[in-house]
Every structure is written in structure tokens, then in C-alpha cells.
N, C-alpha and C. Protein backbone atom coordinates (compact mmCIF):
# COMPACT_ATOMS: atom_id res chain seq x y z
N MET A 1 -18.36 48.82 28.65
CA MET A 1 -18.22 47.66 27.79
C MET A 1 -19.15 48.07 26.55
N ASN A 2 -18.74 47.11 25.44
CA ASN A 2 -19.44 47.54 24.19
C ASN A 2 -20.61 46.52 23.84
N LYS A 3 -21.92 47.13 24.11
CA LYS A 3 -23.08 46.34 23.95
C LYS A 3 -23.37 46.71 22.30
N LEU A 4 -23.74 45.32 21.84
CA LEU A 4 -24.11 45.33 20.40
C LEU A 4 -25.35 44.71 20.14
N LEU A 5 -26.14 45.25 19.39
CA LEU A 5 -27.41 44.91 18.80
C LEU A 5 -27.26 44.15 17.38
N LEU A 6 -27.42 42.95 17.52
CA LEU A 6 -27.09 42.16 16.14
C LEU A 6 -28.48 41.79 15.53
N ILE A 7 -28.73 41.90 14.06
CA ILE A 7 -30.08 41.46 13.69
C ILE A 7 -29.58 40.13 12.92
N THR A 8 -30.35 39.26 13.13
CA THR A 8 -30.13 37.98 12.19
C THR A 8 -31.49 37.46 11.72
N ALA A 9 -31.64 36.50 10.75
CA ALA A 9 -32.86 36.02 10.40
C ALA A 9 -33.56 35.37 11.53
N ALA A 10 -32.85 34.72 12.48
CA ALA A 10 -33.57 34.12 13.64
C ALA A 10 -34.02 34.98 14.74
N GLY A 11 -33.45 36.34 14.66
CA GLY A 11 -34.04 37.43 15.66
C GLY A 11 -32.94 38.37 15.81
N TYR A 12 -33.33 39.07 17.06
CA TYR A 12 -32.46 40.11 17.64
C TYR A 12 -31.58 39.57 18.77
N ILE A 13 -30.26 40.00 18.64
CA ILE A 13 -29.23 39.61 19.70
C ILE A 13 -28.71 40.92 20.36
N VAL A 14 -28.69 40.90 21.59
CA VAL A 14 -27.90 42.06 22.29
C VAL A 14 -26.96 41.31 23.22
N GLY A 15 -25.79 41.78 23.22
CA GLY A 15 -24.50 41.19 24.05
C GLY A 15 -23.57 42.21 24.18
N ILE A 16 -22.56 41.63 25.14
CA ILE A 16 -21.38 42.73 25.40
C ILE A 16 -20.23 41.98 24.33
N HIS A 17 -19.86 43.05 23.33
CA HIS A 17 -18.93 42.60 22.30
C HIS A 17 -17.46 42.29 22.80
N ALA A 18 -17.01 41.05 22.61
CA ALA A 18 -15.51 40.72 23.01
C ALA A 18 -14.66 41.50 21.77
N THR A 19 -13.33 41.38 22.12
CA THR A 19 -12.66 42.17 20.99
C THR A 19 -12.08 40.93 19.96
N GLU A 20 -11.87 41.20 18.69
CA GLU A 20 -11.89 40.34 17.88
C GLU A 20 -10.78 40.93 16.75
N THR A 21 -10.57 40.11 15.73
CA THR A 21 -9.64 40.56 14.60
C THR A 21 -10.78 40.39 13.30
N GLU A 22 -10.54 41.03 12.54
CA GLU A 22 -11.16 40.87 10.98
C GLU A 22 -11.00 39.73 10.36
N LYS A 23 -10.17 39.11 10.73
CA LYS A 23 -10.05 37.51 10.22
C LYS A 23 -10.75 36.64 10.81
N THR A 24 -11.34 36.79 12.10
CA THR A 24 -12.34 35.88 12.82
C THR A 24 -13.51 35.79 11.97
N PRO A 25 -13.98 34.38 11.71
CA PRO A 25 -15.32 34.62 10.88
C PRO A 25 -16.68 34.60 11.99
N SER A 26 -16.30 34.88 13.06
CA SER A 26 -17.55 35.00 14.03
C SER A 26 -17.19 36.11 14.83
N ILE A 27 -18.24 36.40 15.73
CA ILE A 27 -18.54 37.49 16.88
C ILE A 27 -18.52 36.89 18.10
N LEU A 28 -17.84 37.00 19.10
CA LEU A 28 -17.94 36.24 20.58
C LEU A 28 -18.85 37.29 21.30
N LEU A 29 -19.90 36.98 21.98
CA LEU A 29 -20.46 38.00 22.67
C LEU A 29 -20.83 37.24 24.11
N SER A 30 -20.79 38.08 25.12
CA SER A 30 -21.02 37.71 26.60
C SER A 30 -22.42 38.21 26.92
N ASP A 31 -23.14 37.74 27.97
CA ASP A 31 -24.13 38.37 28.66
C ASP A 31 -25.32 38.65 27.61
N VAL A 32 -25.53 37.77 26.79
CA VAL A 32 -26.45 37.75 25.62
C VAL A 32 -28.04 37.52 25.73
N TYR A 33 -28.69 38.45 25.06
CA TYR A 33 -30.16 38.23 25.25
C TYR A 33 -30.59 38.15 23.56
N ILE A 34 -31.28 37.13 23.44
CA ILE A 34 -31.81 36.83 22.00
C ILE A 34 -33.51 36.95 22.05
N ASN A 35 -34.00 37.78 21.20
CA ASN A 35 -35.41 38.04 21.03
C ASN A 35 -35.92 37.34 19.55
N ASN A 36 -36.52 36.20 19.82
CA ASN A 36 -37.08 35.52 18.66
C ASN A 36 -38.59 36.00 18.61
N PRO A 37 -38.79 37.18 17.70
CA PRO A 37 -40.21 37.47 17.35
C PRO A 37 -41.28 36.41 16.79
N ALA A 38 -40.59 35.37 16.04
CA ALA A 38 -41.46 34.43 15.62
C ALA A 38 -42.06 33.46 16.62
N GLN A 39 -41.02 33.33 17.60
CA GLN A 39 -41.74 32.29 18.73
C GLN A 39 -42.09 33.19 19.91
N ARG A 40 -41.90 34.48 19.94
CA ARG A 40 -42.49 35.29 21.12
C ARG A 40 -41.64 34.67 22.17
N LEU A 41 -40.34 34.72 22.10
CA LEU A 41 -39.42 34.08 23.18
C LEU A 41 -38.38 34.92 23.08
N ILE A 42 -37.81 35.09 24.74
CA ILE A 42 -36.62 35.70 24.94
C ILE A 42 -35.62 34.98 25.61
N ASP A 43 -34.30 34.65 25.24
CA ASP A 43 -33.30 33.69 25.87
C ASP A 43 -32.31 34.64 26.63
N HIS A 44 -31.68 33.90 27.50
CA HIS A 44 -30.39 34.55 28.18
C HIS A 44 -29.50 33.64 28.01
N PHE A 45 -28.32 34.04 27.47
CA PHE A 45 -27.01 33.18 27.55
C PHE A 45 -25.76 33.66 28.09
N GLU A 46 -25.03 33.00 28.73
CA GLU A 46 -23.54 33.59 29.19
C GLU A 46 -22.74 34.11 28.05
N SER A 47 -22.66 33.26 27.24
CA SER A 47 -22.01 33.48 25.79
C SER A 47 -22.48 32.83 24.65
N LEU A 48 -21.99 33.55 23.47
CA LEU A 48 -22.64 33.12 22.19
C LEU A 48 -21.75 33.58 21.02
N GLU A 49 -21.40 32.62 20.16
CA GLU A 49 -20.81 33.00 19.21
C GLU A 49 -21.72 33.07 18.06
N VAL A 50 -21.61 34.19 17.07
CA VAL A 50 -22.43 34.34 15.94
C VAL A 50 -21.58 34.24 14.78
N ALA A 51 -21.59 33.57 13.88
CA ALA A 51 -20.91 33.77 12.38
C ALA A 51 -21.39 35.16 11.74
N LYS A 52 -20.20 35.67 11.30
CA LYS A 52 -20.50 37.24 10.53
C LYS A 52 -21.49 36.81 9.54
N GLU A 53 -21.53 35.83 9.04
CA GLU A 53 -22.26 35.62 7.53
C GLU A 53 -23.99 35.63 7.91
N GLN A 54 -24.20 35.34 9.32
CA GLN A 54 -25.55 35.29 9.62
C GLN A 54 -26.13 36.69 10.08
N ILE A 55 -25.22 37.71 10.26
CA ILE A 55 -25.58 38.94 10.46
C ILE A 55 -26.17 39.73 9.40
N ILE A 56 -27.35 40.43 9.70
CA ILE A 56 -28.08 41.30 8.61
C ILE A 56 -27.62 42.38 8.92
N GLY A 57 -27.60 43.04 10.11
CA GLY A 57 -27.26 44.33 10.44
C GLY A 57 -26.79 44.31 11.93
N HIS A 58 -26.31 45.69 12.38
CA HIS A 58 -25.71 45.71 13.76
C HIS A 58 -25.62 47.25 14.14
N LYS A 59 -25.80 47.19 15.40
CA LYS A 59 -25.61 48.83 15.97
C LYS A 59 -24.98 48.71 17.29
N LYS A 60 -24.26 49.65 17.70
CA LYS A 60 -23.59 49.78 18.89
C LYS A 60 -24.68 50.39 19.69
N LEU A 61 -24.63 49.94 21.16
CA LEU A 61 -25.62 50.62 22.07
C LEU A 61 -24.94 50.94 23.08
N SER A 62 -25.52 51.81 23.91
CA SER A 62 -24.94 52.15 25.39
C SER A 62 -25.63 51.15 26.28
N THR A 63 -24.92 51.13 27.43
CA THR A 63 -25.50 50.18 28.63
C THR A 63 -27.08 50.16 28.75
N GLU A 64 -27.20 51.64 28.90
CA GLU A 64 -28.71 52.10 29.02
C GLU A 64 -29.57 51.68 27.85
N ASP A 65 -29.13 52.14 26.58
CA ASP A 65 -30.11 51.61 25.60
C ASP A 65 -30.48 50.20 25.40
N ALA A 66 -29.38 49.41 25.83
CA ALA A 66 -29.46 47.96 25.98
C ALA A 66 -30.56 47.40 26.91
N LYS A 67 -30.49 48.24 28.05
CA LYS A 67 -31.34 47.61 29.08
C LYS A 67 -32.91 48.17 28.82
N ASP A 68 -33.01 49.25 28.14
CA ASP A 68 -34.17 49.85 27.66
C ASP A 68 -34.74 48.82 26.43
N LEU A 69 -33.87 48.48 25.78
CA LEU A 69 -34.45 47.59 24.65
C LEU A 69 -34.96 46.28 25.17
N ILE A 70 -34.16 45.50 26.05
CA ILE A 70 -34.63 44.34 26.62
C ILE A 70 -35.66 44.50 27.41
N SER A 71 -35.80 45.68 28.27
CA SER A 71 -37.16 45.99 28.91
C SER A 71 -38.50 45.86 28.05
N ARG A 72 -38.26 46.56 27.06
CA ARG A 72 -39.45 46.58 26.22
C ARG A 72 -39.74 45.34 25.44
N TRP A 73 -38.62 44.48 25.16
CA TRP A 73 -39.06 43.12 24.64
C TRP A 73 -39.69 42.42 26.04
N GLN A 74 -39.38 42.36 26.98
CA GLN A 74 -39.73 41.70 28.08
C GLN A 74 -41.38 41.95 28.32
N ALA A 75 -41.63 43.53 28.32
CA ALA A 75 -42.76 44.06 28.31
C ALA A 75 -43.69 43.53 27.59
N ASN A 76 -43.19 43.39 26.47
CA ASN A 76 -44.08 42.90 25.06
C ASN A 76 -44.54 41.61 25.24
N TYR A 77 -43.80 40.82 25.67
CA TYR A 77 -43.81 39.21 25.78
C TYR A 77 -44.60 38.81 27.19
N PHE A 78 -44.19 39.68 28.18
CA PHE A 78 -44.70 38.82 29.56
C PHE A 78 -45.78 40.08 30.36
N THR A 79 -46.69 40.67 29.61
CA THR A 79 -47.52 41.53 30.13
C THR A 79 -48.53 40.64 30.90
N THR A 80 -48.96 41.16 31.89
CA THR A 80 -50.19 40.60 32.59
C THR A 80 -51.39 41.34 32.38
N SER A 81 -52.66 40.70 32.27
CA SER A 81 -53.91 41.33 32.36
C SER A 81 -54.30 42.06 33.67
């Protein structure tokens, strides 16, 4: 599965990238995690469609790298004293 990290103005998005054509104005992702650092919030969605014009940056991730990144987000927001 192609995991993809997208950077948007609203936050960071990690999901499984579905196939698309260059003519499509959006990217369809499944099993999506969104990290919104301004609200210190992580959301999980079954699927999400992101307009390409909203994407500031992107990076392909291995499944293991994606799990590590999401774990770091969760540890950062949900640590206990």
C-alpha cells in the first residue's frame, strides 16, 4: 500500500493513497489520520478527498514509517503524568 504524508495549511495528513489520474483535481485517501497542531488534535477517517491545490508538500512513506509518525503524534498529545 502506498502511504502518503500530505502537508496542508490545516495540518498533516497520513493515508493510503488510491490510484488517480493527473486530470483529477483531488487525491483520494483511505485509513486517514489528520494531525492538526493548532488544536492539538488527531482525527481518524475511513476516507478523505483532498484538493490538490490545498497541498503544500507531500512525501511517500513506508507502512512502518507511517505507524511511527502517527505514534509520535499520539505520544505528543496524549502523554500522561
